[in-house]
Amino acid sequence: MASPAKHFAEGAATFGVGLALRLFTEDVHIPVFTLTKVGVVLMFIGGIEILYGVYRAASSRSGRTSS
């Protein structure tokens, strides 16, 4: 399993990419979906990944192991 720091870093990177898409691609139009909506989805996934990293760090400190 990946370390909690890796989950946190991956989540922060995903959130950052999503935020950039959300803020800077309002004028870009592609036929299937808008990039601003993709940015919101990536921000959501990144936030979940960050929370999972925090959870893993907290559970490893308390002595519980997750598989």
C-alpha atoms as a PDB file:
ATOM      1  CA  MET A   1       0.000   0.000   0.000  1.00  0.00           C
ATOM      2  CA  ALA A   2       1.073   3.552  -0.595  1.00  0.00           C
ATOM      3  CA  SER A   3       2.081   5.730   2.309  1.00  0.00           C
ATOM      4  CA  PRO A   4      -0.303   8.402   3.608  1.00  0.00           C
ATOM      5  CA  ALA A   5       2.052  11.119   2.365  1.00  0.00           C
ATOM      6  CA  LYS A   6       1.828   9.730  -1.150  1.00  0.00           C
ATOM      7  CA  HIS A   7      -1.985   9.760  -1.036  1.00  0.00           C
ATOM      8  CA  PHE A   8      -1.901  13.329   0.259  1.00  0.00           C
ATOM      9  CA  ALA A   9       0.531  14.462  -2.463  1.00  0.00           C
ATOM     10  CA  GLU A  10      -1.437  12.769  -5.234  1.00  0.00           C
ATOM     11  CA  GLY A  11      -4.651  14.316  -3.940  1.00  0.00           C
ATOM     12  CA  ALA A  12      -3.101  17.770  -3.764  1.00  0.00           C
ATOM     13  CA  ALA A  13      -1.773  17.461  -7.326  1.00  0.00           C
ATOM     14  CA  THR A  14      -5.133  16.242  -8.631  1.00  0.00           C
ATOM     15  CA  PHE A  15      -6.932  19.031  -6.791  1.00  0.00           C
ATOM     16  CA  GLY A  16      -4.489  21.577  -8.225  1.00  0.00           C
ATOM     17  CA  VAL A  17      -5.010  20.384 -11.795  1.00  0.00           C
ATOM     18  CA  GLY A  18      -8.767  20.440 -11.273  1.00  0.00           C
ATOM     19  CA  LEU A  19      -8.608  23.947  -9.870  1.00  0.00           C
ATOM     20  CA  ALA A  20      -6.542  25.133 -12.846  1.00  0.00           C
ATOM     21  CA  LEU A  21      -9.051  23.607 -15.260  1.00  0.00           C
ATOM     22  CA  ARG A  22     -11.923  25.180 -13.360  1.00  0.00           C
ATOM     23  CA  LEU A  23     -10.388  28.648 -13.311  1.00  0.00           C
ATOM     24  CA  PHE A  24      -8.738  28.932 -16.717  1.00  0.00           C
ATOM     25  CA  THR A  25     -10.801  26.934 -19.231  1.00  0.00           C
ATOM     26  CA  GLU A  26     -14.151  28.719 -19.272  1.00  0.00           C
ATOM     27  CA  ASP A  27     -13.673  29.845 -22.890  1.00  0.00           C
ATOM     28  CA  VAL A  28     -12.578  26.433 -24.196  1.00  0.00           C
ATOM     29  CA  HIS A  29     -15.433  24.487 -25.767  1.00  0.00           C
ATOM     30  CA  ILE A  30     -15.197  20.854 -26.810  1.00  0.00           C
ATOM     31  CA  PRO A  31     -18.145  18.822 -28.129  1.00  0.00           C
ATOM     32  CA  VAL A  32     -18.577  16.188 -25.425  1.00  0.00           C
ATOM     33  CA  PHE A  33     -18.201  18.013 -22.083  1.00  0.00           C
ATOM     34  CA  THR A  34     -16.858  21.253 -20.670  1.00  0.00           C
ATOM     35  CA  LEU A  35     -13.425  21.372 -19.118  1.00  0.00           C
ATOM     36  CA  THR A  36     -14.727  23.383 -16.170  1.00  0.00           C
ATOM     37  CA  LYS A  37     -16.915  20.421 -15.187  1.00  0.00           C
ATOM     38  CA  VAL A  38     -13.940  18.085 -15.564  1.00  0.00           C
ATOM     39  CA  GLY A  39     -12.070  20.449 -13.243  1.00  0.00           C
ATOM     40  CA  VAL A  40     -14.791  20.200 -10.619  1.00  0.00           C
ATOM     41  CA  VAL A  41     -14.728  16.399 -10.816  1.00  0.00           C
ATOM     42  CA  LEU A  42     -10.928  16.360 -10.458  1.00  0.00           C
ATOM     43  CA  MET A  43     -11.150  18.704  -7.481  1.00  0.00           C
ATOM     44  CA  PHE A  44     -13.656  16.349  -5.863  1.00  0.00           C
ATOM     45  CA  ILE A  45     -11.463  13.287  -6.497  1.00  0.00           C
ATOM     46  CA  GLY A  46      -8.395  15.151  -5.228  1.00  0.00           C
ATOM     47  CA  GLY A  47     -10.222  16.155  -2.069  1.00  0.00           C
ATOM     48  CA  ILE A  48     -11.237  12.558  -1.417  1.00  0.00           C
ATOM     49  CA  GLU A  49      -7.632  11.439  -1.956  1.00  0.00           C
ATOM     50  CA  ILE A  50      -6.388  14.078   0.503  1.00  0.00           C
ATOM     51  CA  LEU A  51      -8.929  12.992   3.106  1.00  0.00           C
ATOM     52  CA  TYR A  52      -7.918   9.357   2.613  1.00  0.00           C
ATOM     53  CA  GLY A  53      -4.267  10.283   3.163  1.00  0.00           C
ATOM     54  CA  VAL A  54      -5.173  12.135   6.356  1.00  0.00           C
ATOM     55  CA  TYR A  55      -7.251   9.150   7.502  1.00  0.00           C
ATOM     56  CA  ARG A  56      -4.390   6.738   6.814  1.00  0.00           C
ATOM     57  CA  ALA A  57      -1.948   8.955   8.712  1.00  0.00           C
ATOM     58  CA  ALA A  58      -4.300   9.223  11.691  1.00  0.00           C
ATOM     59  CA  SER A  59      -5.037   5.505  11.764  1.00  0.00           C
ATOM     60  CA  SER A  60      -1.353   4.581  11.560  1.00  0.00           C
ATOM     61  CA  ARG A  61      -0.592   6.834  14.542  1.00  0.00           C
ATOM     62  CA  SER A  62      -3.279   5.221  16.645  1.00  0.00           C
ATOM     63  CA  GLY A  63      -1.858   1.762  16.021  1.00  0.00           C
ATOM     64  CA  ARG A  64      -4.489   0.482  13.617  1.00  0.00           C
ATOM     65  CA  THR A  65      -3.361  -0.944  10.340  1.00  0.00           C
ATOM     66  CA  SER A  66      -5.390  -0.824   7.163  1.00  0.00           C
ATOM     67  CA  SER A  67      -4.981  -3.296   4.382  1.00  0.00           C
END
